[in-house]
């Protein structure tokens, strides 16, 4: 499921930037090749390195989310204000393999190889084919929509905020899932960060309107 989500992210960039079929398939082929490499690396990477990669997950997601929002704002604003199409210059933020995607692909290959007791390269090949086929189909679907370049910028902003929200919610969910439920009162002061985050999203939307990012 996570692989499909990453393929959807890549396809948003390829489809909304109106890349040619050859360019899209080249990007899909790069994910296929990377998945094969990740599969071959299963069992060769020490556990300490895997633990270190997982420990950097929050930092990687934070950096990617901020980059997506910043580039998305620039892409949408340039089209809405000046009619300048930056989509073919900025789509890479969504489509090019990012550290978080590579780490997730490696962990998926490692987990599946151990669970199914099959060679890592076979798992990598299957994961890569899922990437390739999903990117080819989804990119063509988004490309047929014929949306303006600002749609790519808006998609980047949405994905960036989704990454940012996942940083806040997933650790809390995992912690809650591992502890028995005991109803306890929550001090109002503990809810302030959540309120500030929601207000920040509202403020971001307002500022985006004023800057010509959203129309």
Protein backbone atom coordinates (compact mmCIF):
# COMPACT_ATOMS: atom_id res chain seq x y z
CA UNK A 1 0.00 0.00 0.00
CA UNK A 2 2.82 2.39 0.86
CA UNK A 3 4.40 1.71 -2.54
CA UNK A 4 1.17 2.75 -4.29
CA UNK A 5 1.12 5.96 -2.24
CA UNK A 6 4.68 6.80 -3.31
CA UNK A 7 3.79 5.94 -6.92
CA UNK A 8 0.81 8.30 -6.65
CA UNK A 9 3.13 11.08 -5.46
CA UNK A 10 5.49 10.49 -8.40
CA UNK A 11 2.59 10.32 -10.86
CA UNK A 12 1.20 13.64 -9.67
CA UNK A 13 4.45 15.31 -10.67
CA UNK A 14 4.75 13.54 -14.03
CA UNK A 15 1.10 13.87 -15.02
CA UNK A 16 0.47 17.47 -13.96
CA UNK A 17 3.74 18.62 -15.55
CA UNK A 18 2.56 17.07 -18.85
CA UNK A 19 5.71 15.02 -19.35
CA UNK A 20 5.90 12.90 -22.48
CA UNK A 21 5.25 9.17 -22.21
CA UNK A 22 8.94 8.48 -22.82
CA UNK A 23 9.98 10.82 -19.98
CA UNK A 24 7.43 9.27 -17.63
CA UNK A 25 8.51 5.72 -18.46
CA UNK A 26 12.14 6.74 -17.90
CA UNK A 27 11.28 7.90 -14.38
CA UNK A 28 9.30 4.69 -13.79
CA UNK A 29 12.27 2.65 -15.01
CA UNK A 30 14.55 4.48 -12.57
CA UNK A 31 12.29 3.40 -9.69
CA UNK A 32 12.34 -0.17 -11.02
CA UNK A 33 16.15 -0.12 -11.10
CA UNK A 34 16.39 1.42 -7.62
CA UNK A 35 14.01 -1.20 -6.21
CA UNK A 36 16.20 -3.95 -7.66
CA UNK A 37 19.26 -2.38 -6.05
CA UNK A 38 17.41 -2.13 -2.73
CA UNK A 39 16.40 -5.79 -3.02
CA UNK A 40 19.99 -6.83 -3.68
CA UNK A 41 21.12 -4.80 -0.66
CA UNK A 42 18.78 -6.69 1.70
CA UNK A 43 20.91 -8.66 4.12
CA UNK A 44 24.04 -6.69 3.27
CA UNK A 45 23.16 -3.56 5.24
CA UNK A 46 23.85 -3.91 8.99
CA UNK A 47 20.98 -3.49 11.44
CA UNK A 48 22.70 -0.48 13.01
CA UNK A 49 22.48 1.34 9.68
CA UNK A 50 18.78 0.45 9.33
CA UNK A 51 18.10 1.76 12.84
CA UNK A 52 19.96 4.95 11.98
CA UNK A 53 17.88 5.40 8.81
CA UNK A 54 14.65 4.95 10.75
CA UNK A 55 15.86 7.47 13.33
CA UNK A 56 16.26 10.09 10.60
CA UNK A 57 12.71 9.58 9.34
CA UNK A 58 11.24 12.64 11.04
CA UNK A 59 14.05 14.93 9.87
CA UNK A 60 13.74 13.66 6.28
CA UNK A 61 9.97 14.12 6.22
CA UNK A 62 10.26 17.60 7.69
CA UNK A 63 12.82 18.69 5.09
CA UNK A 64 10.80 17.22 2.22
CA UNK A 65 7.54 18.77 3.46
CA UNK A 66 9.06 22.25 3.69
CA UNK A 67 10.63 21.90 0.23
CA UNK A 68 7.32 20.75 -1.27
CA UNK A 69 5.38 23.65 0.22
CA UNK A 70 7.98 26.24 -0.81
CA UNK A 71 8.32 25.00 -4.40
CA UNK A 72 4.57 24.46 -4.67
CA UNK A 73 3.85 28.05 -3.64
CA UNK A 74 6.38 29.31 -6.19
CA UNK A 75 4.95 27.15 -9.00
CA UNK A 76 1.33 28.14 -8.40
CA UNK A 77 2.09 31.82 -7.82
CA UNK A 78 4.17 32.20 -10.98
CA UNK A 79 1.36 30.78 -13.12
CA UNK A 80 -1.49 32.65 -11.42
CA UNK A 81 0.29 36.01 -11.35
CA UNK A 82 2.53 36.03 -14.40
CA UNK A 83 1.31 33.15 -16.55
CA UNK A 84 4.77 31.60 -16.28
CA UNK A 85 4.84 27.80 -16.43
CA UNK A 86 7.45 26.35 -14.06
CA UNK A 87 5.96 22.86 -13.93
CA UNK A 88 8.67 21.18 -16.02
CA UNK A 89 11.33 22.77 -13.80
CA UNK A 90 9.73 21.97 -10.45
CA UNK A 91 7.98 18.62 -10.97
CA UNK A 92 11.13 16.82 -9.79
CA UNK A 93 10.28 17.71 -6.18
CA UNK A 94 7.39 15.25 -6.44
CA UNK A 95 8.78 12.77 -8.96
CA UNK A 96 12.50 12.32 -8.33
CA UNK A 97 13.34 9.61 -5.72
CA UNK A 98 13.64 11.27 -2.31
CA UNK A 99 15.52 9.92 0.75
CA UNK A 100 12.26 9.04 2.51
CA UNK A 101 11.04 7.08 -0.52
CA UNK A 102 14.33 5.22 -0.87
CA UNK A 103 14.39 4.36 2.83
CA UNK A 104 10.77 3.18 2.76
CA UNK A 105 11.45 1.06 -0.35
CA UNK A 106 14.45 -0.60 1.30
CA UNK A 107 12.55 -1.30 4.52
CA UNK A 108 9.62 -2.73 2.51
CA UNK A 109 11.94 -5.03 0.56
CA UNK A 110 13.70 -6.11 3.75
CA UNK A 111 10.45 -6.81 5.59
CA UNK A 112 8.87 -8.72 2.69
CA UNK A 113 12.01 -10.78 2.07
CA UNK A 114 12.07 -11.84 5.72
CA UNK A 115 8.32 -12.45 5.90
CA UNK A 116 8.07 -14.50 2.69
CA UNK A 117 11.52 -16.09 3.01
CA UNK A 118 12.46 -15.30 -0.60
CA UNK A 119 15.62 -13.72 -2.06
CA UNK A 120 15.75 -9.95 -1.73
CA UNK A 121 16.28 -9.36 -5.46
CA UNK A 122 12.97 -11.08 -6.25
CA UNK A 123 11.14 -8.86 -3.79
CA UNK A 124 12.92 -5.83 -5.26
CA UNK A 125 11.84 -6.86 -8.76
CA UNK A 126 8.18 -7.18 -7.70
CA UNK A 127 8.25 -3.86 -5.84
CA UNK A 128 9.91 -2.20 -8.84
CA UNK A 129 7.31 -3.57 -11.26
CA UNK A 130 4.53 -2.28 -9.02
CA UNK A 131 6.22 1.13 -9.06
CA UNK A 132 6.68 1.07 -12.84
CA UNK A 133 3.14 -0.03 -13.72
CA UNK A 134 1.50 2.31 -11.18
CA UNK A 135 3.53 5.32 -12.36
CA UNK A 136 2.73 4.60 -16.03
CA UNK A 137 -1.02 4.24 -15.44
CA UNK A 138 -1.51 7.03 -12.89
CA UNK A 139 0.65 9.54 -14.79
CA UNK A 140 -1.40 8.97 -17.94
CA UNK A 141 -4.59 9.44 -15.92
CA UNK A 142 -3.44 12.74 -14.41
CA UNK A 143 -2.06 13.90 -17.76
CA UNK A 144 -5.44 13.45 -19.46
CA UNK A 145 -7.02 15.79 -16.91
CA UNK A 146 -5.40 18.74 -18.73
CA UNK A 147 -5.04 20.88 -15.62
CA UNK A 148 -3.23 24.24 -15.48
CA UNK A 149 0.37 24.33 -14.15
CA UNK A 150 -0.93 25.84 -10.91
CA UNK A 151 -2.52 22.45 -10.18
CA UNK A 152 0.97 20.99 -9.80
CA UNK A 153 1.85 23.70 -7.28
CA UNK A 154 -1.34 23.05 -5.33
CA UNK A 155 -0.59 19.31 -5.35
CA UNK A 156 2.90 19.99 -3.96
CA UNK A 157 1.45 22.12 -1.17
CA UNK A 158 -1.11 19.42 -0.31
CA UNK A 159 1.50 16.63 -0.24
CA UNK A 160 3.87 18.82 1.79
CA UNK A 161 1.18 19.51 4.39
CA UNK A 162 0.30 15.80 4.41
CA UNK A 163 3.95 14.97 5.17
CA UNK A 164 3.98 17.58 7.91
CA UNK A 165 0.75 16.26 9.40
CA UNK A 166 2.08 12.69 9.34
CA UNK A 167 5.07 13.79 11.41
CA UNK A 168 2.67 15.01 14.10
CA UNK A 169 0.06 12.25 14.01
CA UNK A 170 1.84 8.95 13.27
CA UNK A 171 4.16 8.92 16.34
CA UNK A 172 1.20 9.80 18.57
CA UNK A 173 -0.91 7.04 16.97
CA UNK A 174 1.81 4.41 17.41
CA UNK A 175 2.27 5.40 21.04
CA UNK A 176 -1.48 5.29 21.68
CA UNK A 177 -1.83 1.92 19.95
CA UNK A 178 0.81 0.36 22.19
CA UNK A 179 -0.76 1.49 25.47
CA UNK A 180 -4.08 0.45 27.03
CA UNK A 181 -6.86 2.99 26.77
CA UNK A 182 -7.49 4.84 29.99
CA UNK A 183 -9.74 7.92 29.82
CA UNK A 184 -7.91 10.84 31.39
CA UNK A 185 -8.65 14.55 31.34
CA UNK A 186 -6.46 16.55 28.97
CA UNK A 187 -5.31 19.96 30.20
CA UNK A 188 -6.27 22.80 27.88
CA UNK A 189 -2.62 23.87 27.70
CA UNK A 190 -1.74 20.54 26.02
CA UNK A 191 -4.16 21.31 23.20
CA UNK A 192 -2.54 24.65 22.34
CA UNK A 193 -0.04 23.17 19.80
CA UNK A 194 -2.92 21.49 17.94
CA UNK A 195 -4.92 24.70 17.86
CA UNK A 196 -1.87 26.63 16.65
CA UNK A 197 -1.28 24.10 13.87
CA UNK A 198 -4.88 24.40 12.67
CA UNK A 199 -4.72 28.19 12.82
CA UNK A 200 -1.42 28.02 10.92
CA UNK A 201 -3.11 26.07 8.10
CA UNK A 202 -5.91 28.63 7.96
CA UNK A 203 -3.36 31.45 7.94
CA UNK A 204 -1.38 29.72 5.20
CA UNK A 205 -4.51 29.54 3.07
CA UNK A 206 -5.25 33.23 3.66
CA UNK A 207 -1.70 34.29 2.82
CA UNK A 208 -1.76 32.03 -0.23
CA UNK A 209 -4.87 33.79 -1.49
CA UNK A 210 -3.31 37.19 -1.01
CA UNK A 211 -0.11 36.11 -2.77
CA UNK A 212 -2.02 34.68 -5.71
CA UNK A 213 -1.13 31.06 -5.00
CA UNK A 214 -4.75 29.85 -4.86
CA UNK A 215 -7.55 30.98 -7.15
